């Protein structure tokens, strides 16, 4: 879900705001679960391999190194990378919802000054 400013400017209904509150709770819970899963994966994989995976994730490898590295990925490596990608998307969505609430609260303050 992408929360655009134009959709926000049209105004949120009470049920929209309630939906966003529910979304925040669900996102926060899922992020907590991913953090716990990541900790378990890091234990399973080992810190040296995780460092290598982070270099790959951050695209710090040369093209040749990346091609070779991809051939060495195992199941748990791929699960950890999937975890990072999912976590990144969730944090982005959570930030968008937070910005929407800040705009909503900001506009409410402006509206109450003009009443």
PDB file of N, CA and C in Angstrom:
ATOM      1  N   UNK A   1       0.848  -1.174   0.000  1.00  0.00           N
ATOM      2  CA  UNK A   1       0.000   0.000   0.000  1.00  0.00           C
ATOM      3  C   UNK A   1       0.892   1.235   0.000  1.00  0.00           C
ATOM      4  N   UNK A   2       0.625   2.164  -0.888  1.00  0.00           N
ATOM      5  CA  UNK A   2       1.386   3.406  -0.904  1.00  0.00           C
ATOM      6  C   UNK A   2       0.464   4.529  -0.463  1.00  0.00           C
ATOM      7  N   UNK A   3       0.941   5.284   0.487  1.00  0.00           N
ATOM      8  CA  UNK A   3       0.127   6.355   1.048  1.00  0.00           C
ATOM      9  C   UNK A   3       0.589   7.667   0.447  1.00  0.00           C
ATOM     10  N   UNK A   4      -0.142   8.174  -0.519  1.00  0.00           N
ATOM     11  CA  UNK A   4       0.283   9.399  -1.183  1.00  0.00           C
ATOM     12  C   UNK A   4      -0.254  10.625  -0.462  1.00  0.00           C
ATOM     13  N   UNK A   5       0.430  11.736  -0.648  1.00  0.00           N
ATOM     14  CA  UNK A   5       0.001  12.986  -0.036  1.00  0.00           C
ATOM     15  C   UNK A   5      -1.365  13.397  -0.569  1.00  0.00           C
ATOM     16  N   UNK A   6      -1.603  13.185  -1.872  1.00  0.00           N
ATOM     17  CA  UNK A   6      -2.884  13.603  -2.432  1.00  0.00           C
ATOM     18  C   UNK A   6      -4.031  12.824  -1.804  1.00  0.00           C
ATOM     19  N   UNK A   7      -3.833  11.538  -1.533  1.00  0.00           N
ATOM     20  CA  UNK A   7      -4.877  10.752  -0.870  1.00  0.00           C
ATOM     21  C   UNK A   7      -5.083  11.269   0.542  1.00  0.00           C
ATOM     22  N   UNK A   8      -4.003  11.637   1.199  1.00  0.00           N
ATOM     23  CA  UNK A   8      -4.091  12.182   2.545  1.00  0.00           C
ATOM     24  C   UNK A   8      -4.844  13.506   2.541  1.00  0.00           C
ATOM     25  N   UNK A   9      -4.521  14.377   1.560  1.00  0.00           N
ATOM     26  CA  UNK A   9      -5.123  15.709   1.515  1.00  0.00           C
ATOM     27  C   UNK A   9      -6.629  15.644   1.311  1.00  0.00           C
ATOM     28  N   UNK A  10      -7.118  14.534   0.732  1.00  0.00           N
ATOM     29  CA  UNK A  10      -8.560  14.384   0.534  1.00  0.00           C
ATOM     30  C   UNK A  10      -9.240  14.133   1.880  1.00  0.00           C
ATOM     31  N   UNK A  11      -8.461  13.794   2.899  1.00  0.00           N
ATOM     32  CA  UNK A  11      -9.013  13.588   4.236  1.00  0.00           C
ATOM     33  C   UNK A  11      -9.199  12.128   4.556  1.00  0.00           C
ATOM     34  N   UNK A  12      -8.920  11.785   5.788  1.00  0.00           N
ATOM     35  CA  UNK A  12      -9.103  10.417   6.252  1.00  0.00           C
ATOM     36  C   UNK A  12     -10.408  10.312   7.018  1.00  0.00           C
ATOM     37  N   UNK A  13     -11.133   9.279   6.748  1.00  0.00           N
ATOM     38  CA  UNK A  13     -12.336   8.980   7.515  1.00  0.00           C
ATOM     39  C   UNK A  13     -11.908   8.239   8.772  1.00  0.00           C
ATOM     40  N   UNK A  14     -12.787   8.170   9.724  1.00  0.00           N
ATOM     41  CA  UNK A  14     -12.486   7.488  10.989  1.00  0.00           C
ATOM     42  C   UNK A  14     -12.078   6.038  10.737  1.00  0.00           C
ATOM     43  N   UNK A  15     -12.775   5.357   9.819  1.00  0.00           N
ATOM     44  CA  UNK A  15     -12.434   3.955   9.541  1.00  0.00           C
ATOM     45  C   UNK A  15     -11.065   3.836   8.856  1.00  0.00           C
ATOM     46  N   UNK A  16     -10.679   4.858   8.083  1.00  0.00           N
ATOM     47  CA  UNK A  16      -9.346   4.869   7.478  1.00  0.00           C
ATOM     48  C   UNK A  16      -8.275   4.986   8.552  1.00  0.00           C
ATOM     49  N   UNK A  17      -8.512   5.873   9.487  1.00  0.00           N
ATOM     50  CA  UNK A  17      -7.560   6.066  10.583  1.00  0.00           C
ATOM     51  C   UNK A  17      -7.475   4.805  11.437  1.00  0.00           C
ATOM     52  N   UNK A  18      -8.598   4.181  11.684  1.00  0.00           N
ATOM     53  CA  UNK A  18      -8.625   2.934  12.448  1.00  0.00           C
ATOM     54  C   UNK A  18      -7.841   1.845  11.709  1.00  0.00           C
ATOM     55  N   UNK A  19      -8.020   1.785  10.401  1.00  0.00           N
ATOM     56  CA  UNK A  19      -7.271   0.832   9.581  1.00  0.00           C
ATOM     57  C   UNK A  19      -5.767   1.071   9.718  1.00  0.00           C
ATOM     58  N   UNK A  20      -5.364   2.345   9.673  1.00  0.00           N
ATOM     59  CA  UNK A  20      -3.941   2.676   9.786  1.00  0.00           C
ATOM     60  C   UNK A  20      -3.386   2.276  11.155  1.00  0.00           C
ATOM     61  N   UNK A  21      -4.163   2.489  12.216  1.00  0.00           N
ATOM     62  CA  UNK A  21      -3.723   2.070  13.555  1.00  0.00           C
ATOM     63  C   UNK A  21      -3.529   0.550  13.597  1.00  0.00           C
ATOM     64  N   UNK A  22      -4.462  -0.177  13.004  1.00  0.00           N
ATOM     65  CA  UNK A  22      -4.335  -1.635  12.930  1.00  0.00           C
ATOM     66  C   UNK A  22      -3.133  -2.053  12.109  1.00  0.00           C
ATOM     67  N   UNK A  23      -2.900  -1.328  11.032  1.00  0.00           N
ATOM     68  CA  UNK A  23      -1.761  -1.607  10.169  1.00  0.00           C
ATOM     69  C   UNK A  23      -0.449  -1.407  10.925  1.00  0.00           C
ATOM     70  N   UNK A  24      -0.372  -0.338  11.709  1.00  0.00           N
ATOM     71  CA  UNK A  24       0.829  -0.062  12.506  1.00  0.00           C
ATOM     72  C   UNK A  24       1.081  -1.218  13.480  1.00  0.00           C
ATOM     73  N   UNK A  25       0.050  -1.657  14.164  1.00  0.00           N
ATOM     74  CA  UNK A  25       0.202  -2.745  15.136  1.00  0.00           C
ATOM     75  C   UNK A  25       0.683  -4.016  14.436  1.00  0.00           C
ATOM     76  N   UNK A  26       0.098  -4.310  13.290  1.00  0.00           N
ATOM     77  CA  UNK A  26       0.482  -5.509  12.539  1.00  0.00           C
ATOM     78  C   UNK A  26       1.912  -5.389  12.010  1.00  0.00           C
ATOM     79  N   UNK A  27       2.264  -4.229  11.481  1.00  0.00           N
ATOM     80  CA  UNK A  27       3.627  -4.025  10.991  1.00  0.00           C
ATOM     81  C   UNK A  27       4.639  -4.157  12.113  1.00  0.00           C
ATOM     82  N   UNK A  28       4.362  -3.534  13.258  1.00  0.00           N
ATOM     83  CA  UNK A  28       5.277  -3.606  14.399  1.00  0.00           C
ATOM     84  C   UNK A  28       5.467  -5.048  14.863  1.00  0.00           C
ATOM     85  N   UNK A  29       4.395  -5.804  14.931  1.00  0.00           N
ATOM     86  CA  UNK A  29       4.477  -7.206  15.356  1.00  0.00           C
ATOM     87  C   UNK A  29       5.283  -8.027  14.343  1.00  0.00           C
ATOM     88  N   UNK A  30       5.051  -7.828  13.081  1.00  0.00           N
ATOM     89  CA  UNK A  30       5.785  -8.567  12.053  1.00  0.00           C
ATOM     90  C   UNK A  30       7.266  -8.203  12.076  1.00  0.00           C
ATOM     91  N   UNK A  31       7.571  -6.940  12.287  1.00  0.00           N
ATOM     92  CA  UNK A  31       8.973  -6.507  12.381  1.00  0.00           C
ATOM     93  C   UNK A  31       9.637  -7.174  13.577  1.00  0.00           C
ATOM     94  N   UNK A  32       8.948  -7.235  14.720  1.00  0.00           N
ATOM     95  CA  UNK A  32       9.501  -7.910  15.906  1.00  0.00           C
ATOM     96  C   UNK A  32       9.805  -9.380  15.606  1.00  0.00           C
ATOM     97  N   UNK A  33       8.889 -10.044  14.911  1.00  0.00           N
ATOM     98  CA  UNK A  33       9.097 -11.457  14.559  1.00  0.00           C
ATOM     99  C   UNK A  33      10.292 -11.615  13.618  1.00  0.00           C
ATOM    100  N   UNK A  34      10.429 -10.705  12.664  1.00  0.00           N
ATOM    101  CA  UNK A  34      11.562 -10.778  11.744  1.00  0.00           C
ATOM    102  C   UNK A  34      12.893 -10.562  12.458  1.00  0.00           C
ATOM    103  N   UNK A  35      12.920  -9.670  13.419  1.00  0.00           N
ATOM    104  CA  UNK A  35      14.143  -9.432  14.200  1.00  0.00           C
ATOM    105  C   UNK A  35      14.530 -10.707  14.948  1.00  0.00           C
ATOM    106  N   UNK A  36      13.548 -11.358  15.565  1.00  0.00           N
ATOM    107  CA  UNK A  36      13.816 -12.607  16.285  1.00  0.00           C
ATOM    108  C   UNK A  36      14.295 -13.684  15.314  1.00  0.00           C
ATOM    109  N   UNK A  37      13.648 -13.788  14.158  1.00  0.00           N
ATOM    110  CA  UNK A  37      14.050 -14.768  13.144  1.00  0.00           C
ATOM    111  C   UNK A  37      15.476 -14.481  12.662  1.00  0.00           C
ATOM    112  N   UNK A  38      15.789 -13.207  12.455  1.00  0.00           N
ATOM    113  CA  UNK A  38      17.134 -12.839  12.009  1.00  0.00           C
ATOM    114  C   UNK A  38      18.183 -13.268  13.039  1.00  0.00           C
ATOM    115  N   UNK A  39      17.909 -13.063  14.316  1.00  0.00           N
ATOM    116  CA  UNK A  39      18.852 -13.462  15.364  1.00  0.00           C
ATOM    117  C   UNK A  39      19.110 -14.963  15.321  1.00  0.00           C
ATOM    118  N   UNK A  40      18.050 -15.737  15.139  1.00  0.00           N
ATOM    119  CA  UNK A  40      18.203 -17.194  15.053  1.00  0.00           C
ATOM    120  C   UNK A  40      19.008 -17.593  13.812  1.00  0.00           C
ATOM    121  N   UNK A  41      18.737 -16.940  12.698  1.00  0.00           N
ATOM    122  CA  UNK A  41      19.467 -17.251  11.467  1.00  0.00           C
ATOM    123  C   UNK A  41      20.947 -16.901  11.595  1.00  0.00           C
ATOM    124  N   UNK A  42      21.233 -15.770  12.238  1.00  0.00           N
ATOM    125  CA  UNK A  42      22.622 -15.347  12.425  1.00  0.00           C
ATOM    126  C   UNK A  42      23.366 -16.382  13.270  1.00  0.00           C
ATOM    127  N   UNK A  43      22.711 -16.896  14.326  1.00  0.00           N
ATOM    128  CA  UNK A  43      23.328 -17.954  15.143  1.00  0.00           C
ATOM    129  C   UNK A  43      23.607 -19.194  14.299  1.00  0.00           C
ATOM    130  N   UNK A  44      22.634 -19.557  13.479  1.00  0.00           N
ATOM    131  CA  UNK A  44      22.730 -20.772  12.669  1.00  0.00           C
ATOM    132  C   UNK A  44      23.820 -20.642  11.600  1.00  0.00           C
ATOM    133  N   UNK A  45      23.910 -19.473  10.985  1.00  0.00           N
ATOM    134  CA  UNK A  45      24.820 -19.264   9.854  1.00  0.00           C
ATOM    135  C   UNK A  45      26.243 -18.975  10.332  1.00  0.00           C
ATOM    136  N   UNK A  46      26.369 -18.208  11.389  1.00  0.00           N
ATOM    137  CA  UNK A  46      27.681 -17.831  11.892  1.00  0.00           C
ATOM    138  C   UNK A  46      28.066 -16.420  11.465  1.00  0.00           C
ATOM    139  N   UNK A  47      28.795 -15.741  12.339  1.00  0.00           N
ATOM    140  CA  UNK A  47      29.089 -14.321  12.120  1.00  0.00           C
ATOM    141  C   UNK A  47      29.968 -14.067  10.887  1.00  0.00           C
ATOM    142  N   UNK A  48      30.914 -14.968  10.604  1.00  0.00           N
ATOM    143  CA  UNK A  48      31.774 -14.760   9.426  1.00  0.00           C
ATOM    144  C   UNK A  48      30.954 -14.779   8.142  1.00  0.00           C
ATOM    145  N   UNK A  49      30.080 -15.757   8.034  1.00  0.00           N
ATOM    146  CA  UNK A  49      29.256 -15.867   6.823  1.00  0.00           C
ATOM    147  C   UNK A  49      28.279 -14.693   6.748  1.00  0.00           C
ATOM    148  N   UNK A  50      27.748 -14.268   7.874  1.00  0.00           N
ATOM    149  CA  UNK A  50      26.820 -13.134   7.886  1.00  0.00           C
ATOM    150  C   UNK A  50      27.526 -11.874   7.381  1.00  0.00           C
ATOM    151  N   UNK A  51      28.784 -11.686   7.773  1.00  0.00           N
ATOM    152  CA  UNK A  51      29.557 -10.543   7.261  1.00  0.00           C
ATOM    153  C   UNK A  51      29.673 -10.602   5.740  1.00  0.00           C
ATOM    154  N   UNK A  52      29.923 -11.786   5.203  1.00  0.00           N
ATOM    155  CA  UNK A  52      30.001 -11.949   3.745  1.00  0.00           C
ATOM    156  C   UNK A  52      28.650 -11.643   3.101  1.00  0.00           C
ATOM    157  N   UNK A  53      27.598 -12.142   3.721  1.00  0.00           N
ATOM    158  CA  UNK A  53      26.256 -11.892   3.198  1.00  0.00           C
ATOM    159  C   UNK A  53      25.908 -10.403   3.223  1.00  0.00           C
ATOM    160  N   UNK A  54      26.356  -9.709   4.264  1.00  0.00           N
ATOM    161  CA  UNK A  54      26.108  -8.263   4.344  1.00  0.00           C
ATOM    162  C   UNK A  54      26.830  -7.522   3.220  1.00  0.00           C
ATOM    163  N   UNK A  55      28.045  -7.922   2.899  1.00  0.00           N
ATOM    164  CA  UNK A  55      28.763  -7.316   1.780  1.00  0.00           C
ATOM    165  C   UNK A  55      27.998  -7.528   0.480  1.00  0.00           C
ATOM    166  N   UNK A  56      27.484  -8.749   0.311  1.00  0.00           N
ATOM    167  CA  UNK A  56      26.675  -9.064  -0.869  1.00  0.00           C
ATOM    168  C   UNK A  56      25.395  -8.213  -0.874  1.00  0.00           C
ATOM    169  N   UNK A  57      24.700  -8.170   0.280  1.00  0.00           N
ATOM    170  CA  UNK A  57      23.446  -7.426   0.410  1.00  0.00           C
ATOM    171  C   UNK A  57      23.633  -5.944   0.108  1.00  0.00           C
ATOM    172  N   UNK A  58      24.742  -5.391   0.587  1.00  0.00           N
ATOM    173  CA  UNK A  58      25.019  -3.969   0.384  1.00  0.00           C
ATOM    174  C   UNK A  58      25.650  -3.688  -0.976  1.00  0.00           C
ATOM    175  N   UNK A  59      25.770  -4.724  -1.790  1.00  0.00           N
ATOM    176  CA  UNK A  59      26.320  -4.637  -3.151  1.00  0.00           C
ATOM    177  C   UNK A  59      27.736  -4.061  -3.148  1.00  0.00           C
ATOM    178  N   UNK A  60      28.552  -4.557  -2.213  1.00  0.00           N
ATOM    179  CA  UNK A  60      29.931  -4.101  -2.085  1.00  0.00           C
ATOM    180  C   UNK A  60      30.911  -4.993  -2.841  1.00  0.00           C
ATOM    181  N   UNK A  61      30.414  -6.054  -3.474  1.00  0.00           N
ATOM    182  CA  UNK A  61      31.281  -6.984  -4.197  1.00  0.00           C
ATOM    183  C   UNK A  61      31.409  -6.551  -5.653  1.00  0.00           C
ATOM    184  N   UNK A  62      32.545  -6.880  -6.245  1.00  0.00           N
ATOM    185  CA  UNK A  62      32.695  -6.633  -7.677  1.00  0.00           C
ATOM    186  C   UNK A  62      31.750  -7.575  -8.422  1.00  0.00           C
ATOM    187  N   UNK A  63      31.534  -7.320  -9.681  1.00  0.00           N
ATOM    188  CA  UNK A  63      30.619  -8.155 -10.470  1.00  0.00           C
ATOM    189  C   UNK A  63      31.098  -9.606 -10.485  1.00  0.00           C
ATOM    190  N   UNK A  64      32.386  -9.792 -10.628  1.00  0.00           N
ATOM    191  CA  UNK A  64      32.956 -11.140 -10.649  1.00  0.00           C
ATOM    192  C   UNK A  64      32.793 -11.827  -9.298  1.00  0.00           C
ATOM    193  N   UNK A  65      33.068 -11.095  -8.216  1.00  0.00           N
ATOM    194  CA  UNK A  65      32.908 -11.643  -6.871  1.00  0.00           C
ATOM    195  C   UNK A  65      31.444 -11.995  -6.599  1.00  0.00           C
ATOM    196  N   UNK A  66      30.554 -11.146  -7.065  1.00  0.00           N
ATOM    197  CA  UNK A  66      29.122 -11.381  -6.855  1.00  0.00           C
ATOM    198  C   UNK A  66      28.665 -12.646  -7.562  1.00  0.00           C
ATOM    199  N   UNK A  67      29.110 -12.827  -8.804  1.00  0.00           N
ATOM    200  CA  UNK A  67      28.731 -14.031  -9.551  1.00  0.00           C
ATOM    201  C   UNK A  67      29.208 -15.287  -8.835  1.00  0.00           C
ATOM    202  N   UNK A  68      30.454 -15.290  -8.370  1.00  0.00           N
ATOM    203  CA  UNK A  68      30.970 -16.430  -7.632  1.00  0.00           C
ATOM    204  C   UNK A  68      30.212 -16.612  -6.320  1.00  0.00           C
ATOM    205  N   UNK A  69      29.972 -15.517  -5.625  1.00  0.00           N
ATOM    206  CA  UNK A  69      29.307 -15.574  -4.327  1.00  0.00           C
ATOM    207  C   UNK A  69      27.913 -16.175  -4.462  1.00  0.00           C
ATOM    208  N   UNK A  70      27.195 -15.810  -5.503  1.00  0.00           N
ATOM    209  CA  UNK A  70      25.834 -16.338  -5.701  1.00  0.00           C
ATOM    210  C   UNK A  70      25.845 -17.860  -5.796  1.00  0.00           C
ATOM    211  N   UNK A  71      26.917 -18.417  -6.344  1.00  0.00           N
ATOM    212  CA  UNK A  71      27.001 -19.877  -6.478  1.00  0.00           C
ATOM    213  C   UNK A  71      27.197 -20.547  -5.123  1.00  0.00           C
ATOM    214  N   UNK A  72      27.637 -19.797  -4.124  1.00  0.00           N
ATOM    215  CA  UNK A  72      27.899 -20.381  -2.806  1.00  0.00           C
ATOM    216  C   UNK A  72      26.722 -20.253  -1.848  1.00  0.00           C
ATOM    217  N   UNK A  73      25.674 -19.560  -2.256  1.00  0.00           N
ATOM    218  CA  UNK A  73      24.528 -19.350  -1.358  1.00  0.00           C
ATOM    219  C   UNK A  73      23.824 -20.675  -1.075  1.00  0.00           C
ATOM    220  N   UNK A  74      23.553 -20.923   0.197  1.00  0.00           N
ATOM    221  CA  UNK A  74      22.773 -22.102   0.557  1.00  0.00           C
ATOM    222  C   UNK A  74      21.382 -21.666   1.025  1.00  0.00           C
ATOM    223  N   UNK A  75      20.605 -22.619   1.458  1.00  0.00           N
ATOM    224  CA  UNK A  75      19.226 -22.368   1.856  1.00  0.00           C
ATOM    225  C   UNK A  75      19.143 -21.287   2.938  1.00  0.00           C
ATOM    226  N   UNK A  76      19.938 -21.420   4.004  1.00  0.00           N
ATOM    227  CA  UNK A  76      19.849 -20.490   5.125  1.00  0.00           C
ATOM    228  C   UNK A  76      20.325 -19.094   4.738  1.00  0.00           C
ATOM    229  N   UNK A  77      21.332 -19.030   3.859  1.00  0.00           N
ATOM    230  CA  UNK A  77      21.780 -17.733   3.346  1.00  0.00           C
ATOM    231  C   UNK A  77      20.627 -17.020   2.647  1.00  0.00           C
ATOM    232  N   UNK A  78      19.933 -17.755   1.816  1.00  0.00           N
ATOM    233  CA  UNK A  78      18.826 -17.166   1.052  1.00  0.00           C
ATOM    234  C   UNK A  78      17.675 -16.751   1.970  1.00  0.00           C
ATOM    235  N   UNK A  79      17.439 -17.538   3.012  1.00  0.00           N
ATOM    236  CA  UNK A  79      16.383 -17.188   3.971  1.00  0.00           C
ATOM    237  C   UNK A  79      16.738 -15.890   4.686  1.00  0.00           C
ATOM    238  N   UNK A  80      18.005 -15.718   5.083  1.00  0.00           N
ATOM    239  CA  UNK A  80      18.415 -14.492   5.761  1.00  0.00           C
ATOM    240  C   UNK A  80      18.292 -13.287   4.822  1.00  0.00           C
ATOM    241  N   UNK A  81      18.698 -13.443   3.581  1.00  0.00           N
ATOM    242  CA  UNK A  81      18.577 -12.352   2.601  1.00  0.00           C
ATOM    243  C   UNK A  81      17.111 -12.007   2.372  1.00  0.00           C
ATOM    244  N   UNK A  82      16.262 -13.028   2.306  1.00  0.00           N
ATOM    245  CA  UNK A  82      14.811 -12.783   2.165  1.00  0.00           C
ATOM    246  C   UNK A  82      14.298 -12.013   3.374  1.00  0.00           C
ATOM    247  N   UNK A  83      14.766 -12.390   4.556  1.00  0.00           N
ATOM    248  CA  UNK A  83      14.384 -11.713   5.791  1.00  0.00           C
ATOM    249  C   UNK A  83      14.760 -10.235   5.705  1.00  0.00           C
ATOM    250  N   UNK A  84      15.979  -9.936   5.267  1.00  0.00           N
ATOM    251  CA  UNK A  84      16.419  -8.548   5.153  1.00  0.00           C
ATOM    252  C   UNK A  84      15.569  -7.771   4.157  1.00  0.00           C
ATOM    253  N   UNK A  85      15.252  -8.388   3.031  1.00  0.00           N
ATOM    254  CA  UNK A  85      14.436  -7.702   2.017  1.00  0.00           C
ATOM    255  C   UNK A  85      13.032  -7.419   2.548  1.00  0.00           C
ATOM    256  N   UNK A  86      12.442  -8.399   3.195  1.00  0.00           N
ATOM    257  CA  UNK A  86      11.101  -8.234   3.758  1.00  0.00           C
ATOM    258  C   UNK A  86      11.106  -7.166   4.849  1.00  0.00           C
ATOM    259  N   UNK A  87      12.120  -7.217   5.695  1.00  0.00           N
ATOM    260  CA  UNK A  87      12.249  -6.232   6.765  1.00  0.00           C
ATOM    261  C   UNK A  87      12.385  -4.821   6.207  1.00  0.00           C
ATOM    262  N   UNK A  88      13.164  -4.676   5.161  1.00  0.00           N
ATOM    263  CA  UNK A  88      13.348  -3.357   4.531  1.00  0.00           C
ATOM    264  C   UNK A  88      12.012  -2.818   4.013  1.00  0.00           C
ATOM    265  N   UNK A  89      11.231  -3.675   3.348  1.00  0.00           N
ATOM    266  CA  UNK A  89       9.918  -3.253   2.842  1.00  0.00           C
ATOM    267  C   UNK A  89       8.993  -2.866   3.989  1.00  0.00           C
ATOM    268  N   UNK A  90       8.984  -3.665   5.053  1.00  0.00           N
ATOM    269  CA  UNK A  90       8.115  -3.374   6.201  1.00  0.00           C
ATOM    270  C   UNK A  90       8.490  -2.055   6.873  1.00  0.00           C
ATOM    271  N   UNK A  91       9.788  -1.814   7.044  1.00  0.00           N
ATOM    272  CA  UNK A  91      10.216  -0.553   7.655  1.00  0.00           C
ATOM    273  C   UNK A  91       9.827   0.637   6.781  1.00  0.00           C
ATOM    274  N   UNK A  92       9.923   0.464   5.473  1.00  0.00           N
ATOM    275  CA  UNK A  92       9.533   1.547   4.561  1.00  0.00           C
ATOM    276  C   UNK A  92       8.032   1.827   4.699  1.00  0.00           C
ATOM    277  N   UNK A  93       7.234   0.784   4.702  1.00  0.00           N
ATOM    278  CA  UNK A  93       5.779   0.954   4.836  1.00  0.00           C
ATOM    279  C   UNK A  93       5.429   1.564   6.187  1.00  0.00           C
ATOM    280  N   UNK A  94       6.111   1.100   7.242  1.00  0.00           N
ATOM    281  CA  UNK A  94       5.858   1.639   8.585  1.00  0.00           C
ATOM    282  C   UNK A  94       6.186   3.137   8.641  1.00  0.00           C
ATOM    283  N   UNK A  95       7.255   3.532   7.980  1.00  0.00           N
ATOM    284  CA  UNK A  95       7.626   4.948   7.943  1.00  0.00           C
ATOM    285  C   UNK A  95       6.572   5.758   7.177  1.00  0.00           C
ATOM    286  N   UNK A  96       6.050   5.204   6.099  1.00  0.00           N
ATOM    287  CA  UNK A  96       5.005   5.903   5.344  1.00  0.00           C
ATOM    288  C   UNK A  96       3.762   6.125   6.198  1.00  0.00           C
ATOM    289  N   UNK A  97       3.379   5.112   6.941  1.00  0.00           N
ATOM    290  CA  UNK A  97       2.204   5.240   7.812  1.00  0.00           C
ATOM    291  C   UNK A  97       2.476   6.286   8.885  1.00  0.00           C
ATOM    292  N   UNK A  98       3.670   6.269   9.446  1.00  0.00           N
ATOM    293  CA  UNK A  98       4.042   7.264  10.451  1.00  0.00           C
ATOM    294  C   UNK A  98       3.971   8.679   9.903  1.00  0.00           C
ATOM    295  N   UNK A  99       4.455   8.875   8.671  1.00  0.00           N
ATOM    296  CA  UNK A  99       4.379  10.199   8.036  1.00  0.00           C
ATOM    297  C   UNK A  99       2.923  10.610   7.824  1.00  0.00           C
ATOM    298  N   UNK A 100       2.091   9.660   7.484  1.00  0.00           N
ATOM    299  CA  UNK A 100       0.671   9.966   7.290  1.00  0.00           C
ATOM    300  C   UNK A 100       0.049  10.446   8.596  1.00  0.00           C
ATOM    301  N   UNK A 101       0.369   9.779   9.702  1.00  0.00           N
ATOM    302  CA  UNK A 101      -0.146  10.219  11.000  1.00  0.00           C
ATOM    303  C   UNK A 101       0.385  11.591  11.374  1.00  0.00           C
ATOM    304  N   UNK A 102       1.651  11.854  11.093  1.00  0.00           N
ATOM    305  CA  UNK A 102       2.212  13.178  11.405  1.00  0.00           C
ATOM    306  C   UNK A 102       1.497  14.257  10.597  1.00  0.00           C
ATOM    307  N   UNK A 103       1.232  13.996   9.331  1.00  0.00           N
ATOM    308  CA  UNK A 103       0.513  14.964   8.501  1.00  0.00           C
ATOM    309  C   UNK A 103      -0.901  15.163   9.020  1.00  0.00           C
ATOM    310  N   UNK A 104      -1.531  14.069   9.396  1.00  0.00           N
ATOM    311  CA  UNK A 104      -2.889  14.136   9.927  1.00  0.00           C
ATOM    312  C   UNK A 104      -2.918  14.983  11.196  1.00  0.00           C
ATOM    313  N   UNK A 105      -2.004  14.714  12.100  1.00  0.00           N
ATOM    314  CA  UNK A 105      -1.955  15.481  13.349  1.00  0.00           C
ATOM    315  C   UNK A 105      -1.575  16.928  13.099  1.00  0.00           C
ATOM    316  N   UNK A 106      -0.702  17.164  12.144  1.00  0.00           N
ATOM    317  CA  UNK A 106      -0.296  18.524  11.801  1.00  0.00           C
ATOM    318  C   UNK A 106      -1.486  19.306  11.252  1.00  0.00           C
ATOM    319  N   UNK A 107      -2.239  18.698  10.359  1.00  0.00           N
ATOM    320  CA  UNK A 107      -3.408  19.360   9.783  1.00  0.00           C
ATOM    321  C   UNK A 107      -4.500  19.585  10.818  1.00  0.00           C
ATOM    322  N   UNK A 108      -4.629  18.666  11.766  1.00  0.00           N
ATOM    323  CA  UNK A 108      -5.624  18.852  12.819  1.00  0.00           C
ATOM    324  C   UNK A 108      -5.278  20.062  13.658  1.00  0.00           C
ATOM    325  N   UNK A 109      -3.984  20.247  13.935  1.00  0.00           N
ATOM    326  CA  UNK A 109      -3.548  21.430  14.691  1.00  0.00           C
ATOM    327  C   UNK A 109      -3.819  22.695  13.952  1.00  0.00           C
ATOM    328  N   UNK A 110      -3.612  22.695  12.637  1.00  0.00           N
ATOM    329  CA  UNK A 110      -3.864  23.878  11.816  1.00  0.00           C
ATOM    330  C   UNK A 110      -5.362  24.171  11.772  1.00  0.00           C
ATOM    331  N   UNK A 111      -6.144  23.096  11.582  1.00  0.00           N
ATOM    332  CA  UNK A 111      -7.602  23.263  11.515  1.00  0.00           C
ATOM    333  C   UNK A 111      -8.165  23.815  12.814  1.00  0.00           C
ATOM    334  N   UNK A 112      -7.633  23.355  13.953  1.00  0.00           N
ATOM    335  CA  UNK A 112      -8.195  23.810  15.229  1.00  0.00           C
ATOM    336  C   UNK A 112      -7.848  25.262  15.498  1.00  0.00           C
ATOM    337  N   UNK A 113      -6.746  25.765  14.926  1.00  0.00           N
ATOM    338  CA  UNK A 113      -6.364  27.177  15.101  1.00  0.00           C
ATOM    339  C   UNK A 113      -7.286  28.093  14.298  1.00  0.00           C
ATOM    340  N   UNK A 114      -7.869  27.555  13.236  1.00  0.00           N
ATOM    341  CA  UNK A 114      -8.713  28.383  12.359  1.00  0.00           C
ATOM    342  C   UNK A 114     -10.193  28.301  12.726  1.00  0.00           C
ATOM    343  N   UNK A 115     -10.525  27.569  13.759  1.00  0.00           N
ATOM    344  CA  UNK A 115     -11.943  27.428  14.124  1.00  0.00           C
ATOM    345  C   UNK A 115     -12.394  28.562  14.992  1.00  0.00           C
TER     346      UNK A 115
END
